[in-house]
Amino acid sequence: MLAAKLEHVAKEYVLKSETVRALRGVSFDVPEGDFVAIMGASGSGKSTMLNLLGCLDRPTRGTIHLGHDNVTTLDDASLSTIRATRIGFVFQAYNLIQQLTVIENIEVPLYYQGNLNRNSRDRCVELASMVGLGDRLDHRPTQLSGGQQQRVAIARSLVNDPYFILADEPTGNLDSVTTAEILDLLDRLNKEGRTIILVTHENDVGERSKRIIRLKDGQLESDQRLRN
């Protein structure tokens, strides 16, 4: 199955009576288990692409399938459900809730769905251990390093067994050593079968993926397979 499929996707905005063509008919597939980096200069369409893949916005034209769902036909409530249940988000700024502990932050998506129970708590503990934070369950974000906070965010992104992890500049706030550790973790998750879509402007980060899709002026400039 494909984790994502985009067909002739265009996105236009009207700013001060001027039409901005952020994406101009982009098409590509993301098979399950792939590790894709979406790259490009500022203004290339990366952020717009991230918003569309994350169901945070809708295309002006074209179709987007995420798993079995044609998300271009869904209403706002259905898109909200897809975001909450089928996409794992990892952000540059971590986006953890400061008042909550590690385990509580991992549980947040389940809380909003009303799915918190003993089994789900055990699952969250397993995820915390998987990312190396099994001994930090009761710590709050202020007691963690940047790399540890990003590990919490990665564990949180997995809690709903998503179609893919959508990572937006996940190493942007980290030093080089911690960046390598987070990329090693993403690589390990991918080897275990997780699909990862990484948005980055850093070549050395993009080269850790299996495949680089480059955007330029809202168009697909290149689609390079680095390894299988």
Protein backbone atom coordinates (compact mmCIF):
# COMPACT_ATOMS: atom_id res chain seq x y z
CA MET A 1 0.00 0.00 0.00
CA LEU A 2 1.06 3.58 -0.56
CA ALA A 3 1.41 5.76 2.52
CA ALA A 4 0.80 8.85 0.35
CA LYS A 5 0.02 9.58 -3.28
CA LEU A 6 -0.11 13.06 -4.80
CA GLU A 7 -1.48 13.64 -8.29
CA HIS A 8 -1.08 17.00 -10.06
CA VAL A 9 -1.31 18.89 -6.77
CA ALA A 10 -1.46 22.68 -7.04
CA LYS A 11 -1.89 25.24 -4.29
CA GLU A 12 -2.55 28.92 -4.86
CA TYR A 13 -2.97 31.76 -2.40
CA VAL A 14 -4.30 35.25 -3.01
CA LEU A 15 -2.26 37.87 -1.16
CA LYS A 16 -3.14 41.53 -1.64
CA SER A 17 -4.98 40.72 -4.88
CA GLU A 18 -1.94 38.84 -6.21
CA THR A 19 -2.09 35.09 -6.82
CA VAL A 20 0.85 33.17 -5.37
CA ARG A 21 1.36 29.73 -6.94
CA ALA A 22 3.00 27.84 -4.10
CA LEU A 23 2.73 24.44 -5.81
CA ARG A 24 2.27 23.87 -9.53
CA GLY A 25 1.07 20.38 -10.35
CA VAL A 26 3.30 18.17 -8.19
CA SER A 27 2.93 14.37 -8.40
CA PHE A 28 4.75 11.64 -6.46
CA ASP A 29 4.10 8.46 -4.45
CA VAL A 30 5.43 7.46 -1.03
CA PRO A 31 5.33 3.66 -0.61
CA GLU A 32 4.91 2.20 2.84
CA GLY A 33 8.30 1.84 4.52
CA ASP A 34 9.97 4.62 2.52
CA PHE A 35 12.11 7.36 4.08
CA VAL A 36 11.69 10.52 2.02
CA ALA A 37 13.29 13.93 2.47
CA ILE A 38 11.49 16.88 0.89
CA MET A 39 14.00 19.62 0.19
CA GLY A 40 14.25 22.97 -1.53
CA ALA A 41 15.19 26.59 -1.05
CA SER A 42 13.01 29.09 0.78
CA GLY A 43 9.90 29.68 -1.32
CA SER A 44 10.19 26.34 -3.11
CA GLY A 45 6.91 25.00 -1.68
CA LYS A 46 8.23 22.82 1.17
CA SER A 47 6.05 24.34 3.86
CA THR A 48 2.98 24.22 1.64
CA MET A 49 3.69 20.57 0.89
CA LEU A 50 4.04 19.83 4.61
CA ASN A 51 0.70 21.52 5.33
CA LEU A 52 -1.03 19.49 2.62
CA LEU A 53 0.49 16.16 3.68
CA GLY A 54 -0.43 16.95 7.27
CA CYS A 55 -4.06 17.74 6.30
CA LEU A 56 -3.57 21.24 7.66
CA ASP A 57 -4.58 22.73 4.30
CA ARG A 58 -6.28 21.69 1.07
CA PRO A 59 -4.93 21.77 -2.47
CA THR A 60 -6.44 24.16 -5.00
CA ARG A 61 -6.33 21.39 -7.59
CA GLY A 62 -5.24 17.77 -7.73
CA THR A 63 -5.75 14.86 -5.38
CA ILE A 64 -3.98 13.56 -2.28
CA HIS A 65 -4.44 10.03 -0.97
CA LEU A 66 -3.12 9.13 2.48
CA GLY A 67 -3.37 5.39 2.89
CA HIS A 68 -6.85 4.43 1.71
CA ASP A 69 -8.25 7.94 2.18
CA ASN A 70 -8.70 10.53 -0.56
CA VAL A 71 -8.25 13.46 1.80
CA THR A 72 -9.14 16.06 -0.85
CA THR A 73 -12.78 14.95 -0.60
CA LEU A 74 -13.06 15.01 3.20
CA ASP A 75 -14.77 17.66 5.31
CA ASP A 76 -12.98 19.53 8.09
CA ALA A 77 -14.10 17.15 10.83
CA SER A 78 -12.84 14.14 8.89
CA LEU A 79 -9.51 15.86 8.18
CA SER A 80 -9.16 16.55 11.90
CA THR A 81 -9.69 12.85 12.58
CA ILE A 82 -7.04 11.90 10.00
CA ARG A 83 -4.56 14.33 11.60
CA ALA A 84 -5.25 12.93 15.05
CA THR A 85 -5.22 9.24 14.17
CA ARG A 86 -3.23 8.60 10.99
CA ILE A 87 -0.36 11.13 10.92
CA GLY A 88 2.49 11.33 13.41
CA PHE A 89 3.82 14.90 13.67
CA VAL A 90 7.35 15.79 14.81
CA PHE A 91 8.20 19.50 14.93
CA GLN A 92 11.40 21.51 15.17
CA ALA A 93 10.20 23.12 18.43
CA TYR A 94 9.09 19.74 19.94
CA ASN A 95 5.64 21.16 20.88
CA LEU A 96 5.50 19.39 24.23
CA ILE A 97 3.16 20.52 27.00
CA GLN A 98 5.41 21.90 29.72
CA GLN A 99 3.10 21.00 32.62
CA LEU A 100 2.94 17.31 31.63
CA THR A 101 5.43 14.52 32.27
CA VAL A 102 7.11 12.46 29.57
CA ILE A 103 4.52 9.70 29.74
CA GLU A 104 1.64 12.20 29.80
CA ASN A 105 2.98 14.00 26.73
CA ILE A 106 3.18 10.72 24.86
CA GLU A 107 -0.42 9.99 25.86
CA VAL A 108 -1.81 13.34 24.63
CA PRO A 109 -3.16 12.06 21.25
CA LEU A 110 -4.96 9.23 23.03
CA TYR A 111 -6.42 11.61 25.59
CA TYR A 112 -8.02 13.78 22.91
CA GLN A 113 -9.55 10.68 21.32
CA GLY A 114 -10.85 9.31 24.62
CA ASN A 115 -8.72 6.19 24.17
CA LEU A 116 -6.73 6.24 27.40
CA ASN A 117 -6.83 2.90 29.21
CA ARG A 118 -4.47 0.41 30.87
CA ASN A 119 -3.40 -1.11 27.56
CA SER A 120 -2.71 2.28 26.00
CA ARG A 121 -0.69 3.35 29.05
CA ASP A 122 1.42 0.19 28.69
CA ARG A 123 1.90 1.01 25.00
CA CYS A 124 3.11 4.53 25.85
CA VAL A 125 5.58 3.14 28.38
CA GLU A 126 6.90 0.80 25.67
CA LEU A 127 7.33 3.73 23.28
CA ALA A 128 9.17 5.76 25.91
CA SER A 129 11.54 2.86 26.46
CA MET A 130 11.98 2.39 22.72
CA VAL A 131 13.26 5.96 22.34
CA GLY A 132 15.54 5.60 25.36
CA LEU A 133 13.46 7.42 27.96
CA GLY A 134 12.14 4.54 30.03
CA ASP A 135 13.84 6.01 33.10
CA ARG A 136 12.44 9.53 32.53
CA LEU A 137 8.70 8.84 32.57
CA ASP A 138 7.96 11.32 35.37
CA HIS A 139 10.26 14.08 34.13
CA ARG A 140 8.85 17.27 32.63
CA PRO A 141 10.21 18.93 29.46
CA THR A 142 12.21 21.50 31.45
CA GLN A 143 14.14 18.62 33.00
CA LEU A 144 15.12 17.19 29.61
CA SER A 145 17.69 18.11 27.01
CA GLY A 146 16.61 19.18 23.53
CA GLY A 147 17.41 15.75 22.16
CA GLN A 148 15.40 14.05 24.89
CA GLN A 149 12.45 16.34 24.22
CA GLN A 150 12.56 15.42 20.55
CA ARG A 151 12.61 11.74 21.51
CA VAL A 152 9.41 12.33 23.50
CA ALA A 153 7.90 13.97 20.41
CA ILE A 154 8.89 10.99 18.25
CA ALA A 155 7.35 8.55 20.75
CA ARG A 156 4.18 10.67 20.78
CA SER A 157 4.07 10.59 16.97
CA LEU A 158 3.94 6.78 17.03
CA VAL A 159 1.20 6.30 19.58
CA ASN A 160 -1.61 6.05 17.00
CA ASP A 161 0.24 3.75 14.58
CA PRO A 162 0.19 6.42 11.83
CA TYR A 163 0.40 6.05 8.06
CA PHE A 164 3.66 7.99 8.33
CA ILE A 165 5.74 10.23 10.55
CA LEU A 166 5.79 13.79 9.17
CA ALA A 167 8.91 15.47 10.56
CA ASP A 168 9.34 19.22 10.04
CA GLU A 169 13.01 20.22 10.48
CA PRO A 170 13.23 17.81 13.44
CA THR A 171 16.92 18.54 14.08
CA GLY A 172 16.78 22.30 13.52
CA ASN A 173 17.22 23.14 17.22
CA LEU A 174 19.83 20.47 17.98
CA ASP A 175 23.63 20.38 17.98
CA SER A 176 25.47 18.09 15.58
CA VAL A 177 25.91 15.21 18.04
CA THR A 178 22.25 15.21 19.07
CA THR A 179 21.19 15.62 15.44
CA ALA A 180 23.04 12.40 14.60
CA GLU A 181 21.32 10.62 17.50
CA ILE A 182 17.83 11.70 16.36
CA LEU A 183 18.58 10.74 12.76
CA ASP A 184 19.85 7.37 13.98
CA LEU A 185 16.53 6.90 15.80
CA LEU A 186 14.50 7.81 12.70
CA ASP A 187 16.65 5.45 10.65
CA ARG A 188 16.02 2.64 13.13
CA LEU A 189 12.28 3.27 13.06
CA ASN A 190 12.36 3.18 9.27
CA LYS A 191 14.24 -0.12 9.29
CA GLU A 192 11.46 -1.46 11.53
CA GLY A 193 8.96 -0.57 8.81
CA ARG A 194 7.89 2.97 9.68
CA THR A 195 7.29 5.39 6.82
CA ILE A 196 9.01 8.74 7.34
CA ILE A 197 8.55 11.99 5.41
CA LEU A 198 11.15 14.53 6.48
CA VAL A 199 11.06 18.20 5.50
CA THR A 200 14.48 19.84 5.73
CA HIS A 201 16.72 22.44 4.12
CA GLU A 202 19.92 20.78 5.36
CA ASN A 203 21.70 18.57 2.83
CA ASP A 204 23.43 16.39 5.41
CA VAL A 205 20.08 15.68 7.07
CA GLY A 206 18.36 14.96 3.77
CA GLU A 207 21.12 12.57 2.78
CA ARG A 208 20.25 10.35 5.75
CA SER A 209 16.98 9.47 3.99
CA LYS A 210 16.48 6.86 1.29
CA ARG A 211 15.13 9.32 -1.24
CA ILE A 212 15.27 13.06 -1.82
CA ILE A 213 12.43 14.97 -3.49
CA ARG A 214 13.52 18.49 -4.41
CA LEU A 215 11.07 21.30 -5.04
CA LYS A 216 11.86 24.48 -6.93
CA ASP A 217 9.43 27.33 -7.52
CA GLY A 218 6.52 25.08 -6.61
CA GLN A 219 7.46 22.32 -9.02
CA LEU A 220 9.11 18.91 -8.68
CA GLU A 221 12.73 19.56 -9.63
CA SER A 222 14.07 16.06 -8.97
CA ASP A 223 13.22 12.77 -7.29
CA GLN A 224 16.43 10.91 -6.42
CA ARG A 225 16.57 7.44 -4.88
CA LEU A 226 19.67 7.22 -2.65
CA ARG A 227 19.17 3.63 -1.51
CA ASN A 228 16.49 1.00 -1.12
